[in-house]
Amino acid sequence: MVSTGLGQLFKQKAGAAGADSIAHLGYPVYFLTIIGLWKILGSIVALAPKLPVLKEWAYAGFFFTMTGAVISHIIMRDTITDILPALLLLTLTLISWYSRPADRKVTELNR
């Protein structure tokens, strides 16, 4: 998320998360700044100790962003090669969320 977030924040032109890709999907280029900033902030929260509720929000944001990317590529009838980067990040997000340590999960005790 950090690497794609930085690429989006600095409006990298090419690549799966670049300006060319977002324009192809029909979104305005300024979305890159918004998405890139949120990915970086979400990554900081996900790696920081404590803050379990904020972590849930960060993971939810990653999930919504990546499912939105996958669905956007499917709607545009892109090839599997174009869909794979977003699908990979979605899979890694789900694995990271599921396998995080118990002290980083929201429970009745740490709310």
C-alpha atoms as a PDB file:
ATOM      1  CA  MET A   1       0.000   0.000   0.000  1.00  0.00           C
ATOM      2  CA  VAL A   2       2.855   2.376   0.767  1.00  0.00           C
ATOM      3  CA  SER A   3       4.530   1.928  -2.622  1.00  0.00           C
ATOM      4  CA  THR A   4       1.319   2.319  -4.627  1.00  0.00           C
ATOM      5  CA  GLY A   5       0.238   5.174  -2.352  1.00  0.00           C
ATOM      6  CA  LEU A   6       3.496   7.045  -3.006  1.00  0.00           C
ATOM      7  CA  GLY A   7       3.180   6.457  -6.741  1.00  0.00           C
ATOM      8  CA  GLN A   8      -0.351   7.815  -6.654  1.00  0.00           C
ATOM      9  CA  LEU A   9       0.533  10.766  -4.436  1.00  0.00           C
ATOM     10  CA  PHE A  10       3.319  11.816  -6.805  1.00  0.00           C
ATOM     11  CA  LYS A  11       1.083  11.091  -9.821  1.00  0.00           C
ATOM     12  CA  GLN A  12       3.298   8.496 -11.465  1.00  0.00           C
ATOM     13  CA  LYS A  13       2.121   8.259 -15.049  1.00  0.00           C
ATOM     14  CA  ALA A  14       2.500   4.575 -15.904  1.00  0.00           C
ATOM     15  CA  GLY A  15       1.790   1.428 -13.935  1.00  0.00           C
ATOM     16  CA  ALA A  16      -1.236  -0.236 -12.390  1.00  0.00           C
ATOM     17  CA  ALA A  17      -1.791   2.627  -9.931  1.00  0.00           C
ATOM     18  CA  GLY A  18      -0.728   5.434 -12.252  1.00  0.00           C
ATOM     19  CA  ALA A  19      -2.430   8.347 -13.950  1.00  0.00           C
ATOM     20  CA  ASP A  20      -2.838   6.458 -17.235  1.00  0.00           C
ATOM     21  CA  SER A  21      -4.635   3.607 -15.486  1.00  0.00           C
ATOM     22  CA  ILE A  22      -6.985   5.816 -13.479  1.00  0.00           C
ATOM     23  CA  ALA A  23      -7.871   7.843 -16.598  1.00  0.00           C
ATOM     24  CA  HIS A  24      -8.554   4.594 -18.491  1.00  0.00           C
ATOM     25  CA  LEU A  25     -10.972   3.582 -15.731  1.00  0.00           C
ATOM     26  CA  GLY A  26     -12.817   6.901 -16.114  1.00  0.00           C
ATOM     27  CA  TYR A  27     -11.793   8.550 -12.850  1.00  0.00           C
ATOM     28  CA  PRO A  28     -10.308  12.050 -12.576  1.00  0.00           C
ATOM     29  CA  VAL A  29      -6.553  12.185 -12.008  1.00  0.00           C
ATOM     30  CA  TYR A  30      -6.984  14.117  -8.740  1.00  0.00           C
ATOM     31  CA  PHE A  31      -8.337  10.868  -7.215  1.00  0.00           C
ATOM     32  CA  LEU A  32      -4.714   9.704  -7.166  1.00  0.00           C
ATOM     33  CA  THR A  33      -3.840  12.338  -4.562  1.00  0.00           C
ATOM     34  CA  ILE A  34      -6.779  11.376  -2.361  1.00  0.00           C
ATOM     35  CA  ILE A  35      -6.259   7.611  -2.640  1.00  0.00           C
ATOM     36  CA  GLY A  36      -2.476   7.893  -2.290  1.00  0.00           C
ATOM     37  CA  LEU A  37      -2.711  10.003   0.858  1.00  0.00           C
ATOM     38  CA  TRP A  38      -5.252   7.668   2.472  1.00  0.00           C
ATOM     39  CA  LYS A  39      -3.156   4.583   1.606  1.00  0.00           C
ATOM     40  CA  ILE A  40      -0.081   6.092   3.267  1.00  0.00           C
ATOM     41  CA  LEU A  41      -2.014   7.210   6.354  1.00  0.00           C
ATOM     42  CA  GLY A  42      -3.748   3.815   6.538  1.00  0.00           C
ATOM     43  CA  SER A  43      -0.398   2.041   6.322  1.00  0.00           C
ATOM     44  CA  ILE A  44       0.976   4.117   9.188  1.00  0.00           C
ATOM     45  CA  VAL A  45      -2.053   3.245  11.335  1.00  0.00           C
ATOM     46  CA  ALA A  46      -1.897  -0.449  10.381  1.00  0.00           C
ATOM     47  CA  LEU A  47       1.758  -0.639  11.461  1.00  0.00           C
ATOM     48  CA  ALA A  48       1.449   1.473  14.612  1.00  0.00           C
ATOM     49  CA  PRO A  49       0.997  -0.199  17.990  1.00  0.00           C
ATOM     50  CA  LYS A  50      -2.407   0.012  19.686  1.00  0.00           C
ATOM     51  CA  LEU A  51      -5.272   1.932  17.971  1.00  0.00           C
ATOM     52  CA  PRO A  52      -7.360  -1.193  17.219  1.00  0.00           C
ATOM     53  CA  VAL A  53     -10.495   0.699  16.139  1.00  0.00           C
ATOM     54  CA  LEU A  54      -8.524   2.970  13.822  1.00  0.00           C
ATOM     55  CA  LYS A  55      -6.818  -0.115  12.373  1.00  0.00           C
ATOM     56  CA  GLU A  56     -10.224  -1.574  11.502  1.00  0.00           C
ATOM     57  CA  TRP A  57     -11.035   1.626   9.608  1.00  0.00           C
ATOM     58  CA  ALA A  58      -7.693   1.486   7.783  1.00  0.00           C
ATOM     59  CA  TYR A  59      -8.260  -2.113   6.718  1.00  0.00           C
ATOM     60  CA  ALA A  60     -11.823  -1.253   5.650  1.00  0.00           C
ATOM     61  CA  GLY A  61     -10.464   1.587   3.517  1.00  0.00           C
ATOM     62  CA  PHE A  62      -7.910  -0.714   1.900  1.00  0.00           C
ATOM     63  CA  PHE A  63     -10.642  -3.286   1.257  1.00  0.00           C
ATOM     64  CA  PHE A  64     -13.019  -0.747  -0.335  1.00  0.00           C
ATOM     65  CA  THR A  65     -10.238   0.768  -2.450  1.00  0.00           C
ATOM     66  CA  MET A  66      -9.017  -2.573  -3.757  1.00  0.00           C
ATOM     67  CA  THR A  67     -12.467  -4.062  -4.403  1.00  0.00           C
ATOM     68  CA  GLY A  68     -13.348  -0.814  -6.201  1.00  0.00           C
ATOM     69  CA  ALA A  69     -10.240  -1.180  -8.358  1.00  0.00           C
ATOM     70  CA  VAL A  70     -10.974  -4.827  -9.173  1.00  0.00           C
ATOM     71  CA  ILE A  71     -14.607  -4.073 -10.044  1.00  0.00           C
ATOM     72  CA  SER A  72     -13.604  -1.036 -12.133  1.00  0.00           C
ATOM     73  CA  HIS A  73     -11.206  -3.162 -14.185  1.00  0.00           C
ATOM     74  CA  ILE A  74     -13.852  -5.865 -14.650  1.00  0.00           C
ATOM     75  CA  ILE A  75     -16.439  -3.307 -15.798  1.00  0.00           C
ATOM     76  CA  MET A  76     -13.924  -1.931 -18.315  1.00  0.00           C
ATOM     77  CA  ARG A  77     -13.365  -5.518 -19.530  1.00  0.00           C
ATOM     78  CA  ASP A  78      -9.649  -5.310 -18.834  1.00  0.00           C
ATOM     79  CA  THR A  79      -7.492  -8.390 -19.081  1.00  0.00           C
ATOM     80  CA  ILE A  80      -6.590 -10.488 -16.062  1.00  0.00           C
ATOM     81  CA  THR A  81      -3.100  -8.992 -16.298  1.00  0.00           C
ATOM     82  CA  ASP A  82      -4.616  -5.551 -15.598  1.00  0.00           C
ATOM     83  CA  ILE A  83      -6.766  -6.886 -12.744  1.00  0.00           C
ATOM     84  CA  LEU A  84      -4.046  -8.921 -10.994  1.00  0.00           C
ATOM     85  CA  PRO A  85      -2.216  -6.061  -9.192  1.00  0.00           C
ATOM     86  CA  ALA A  86      -5.417  -4.882  -7.472  1.00  0.00           C
ATOM     87  CA  LEU A  87      -6.440  -8.477  -6.778  1.00  0.00           C
ATOM     88  CA  LEU A  88      -3.033  -9.174  -5.233  1.00  0.00           C
ATOM     89  CA  LEU A  89      -3.269  -6.114  -2.955  1.00  0.00           C
ATOM     90  CA  LEU A  90      -6.815  -7.120  -1.986  1.00  0.00           C
ATOM     91  CA  THR A  91      -5.605 -10.624  -1.098  1.00  0.00           C
ATOM     92  CA  LEU A  92      -2.669  -9.275   0.917  1.00  0.00           C
ATOM     93  CA  THR A  93      -5.000  -6.881   2.737  1.00  0.00           C
ATOM     94  CA  LEU A  94      -7.314  -9.729   3.733  1.00  0.00           C
ATOM     95  CA  ILE A  95      -4.414 -11.932   4.846  1.00  0.00           C
ATOM     96  CA  SER A  96      -2.908  -9.090   6.878  1.00  0.00           C
ATOM     97  CA  TRP A  97      -6.247  -8.256   8.498  1.00  0.00           C
ATOM     98  CA  TYR A  98      -7.013 -11.886   9.334  1.00  0.00           C
ATOM     99  CA  SER A  99      -3.578 -12.762  10.688  1.00  0.00           C
ATOM    100  CA  ARG A 100      -2.875  -9.642  12.752  1.00  0.00           C
ATOM    101  CA  PRO A 101      -1.896 -10.192  16.412  1.00  0.00           C
ATOM    102  CA  ALA A 102      -4.638 -10.411  19.032  1.00  0.00           C
ATOM    103  CA  ASP A 103      -3.601  -7.126  20.650  1.00  0.00           C
ATOM    104  CA  ARG A 104      -4.346  -5.356  17.346  1.00  0.00           C
ATOM    105  CA  LYS A 105      -7.895  -6.717  17.072  1.00  0.00           C
ATOM    106  CA  VAL A 106     -10.999  -4.987  18.318  1.00  0.00           C
ATOM    107  CA  THR A 107     -12.458  -6.889  21.256  1.00  0.00           C
ATOM    108  CA  GLU A 108     -14.706  -5.974  24.148  1.00  0.00           C
ATOM    109  CA  LEU A 109     -11.635  -5.552  26.346  1.00  0.00           C
ATOM    110  CA  ASN A 110      -9.748  -3.043  24.229  1.00  0.00           C
ATOM    111  CA  ARG A 111     -12.538  -0.826  22.902  1.00  0.00           C
END
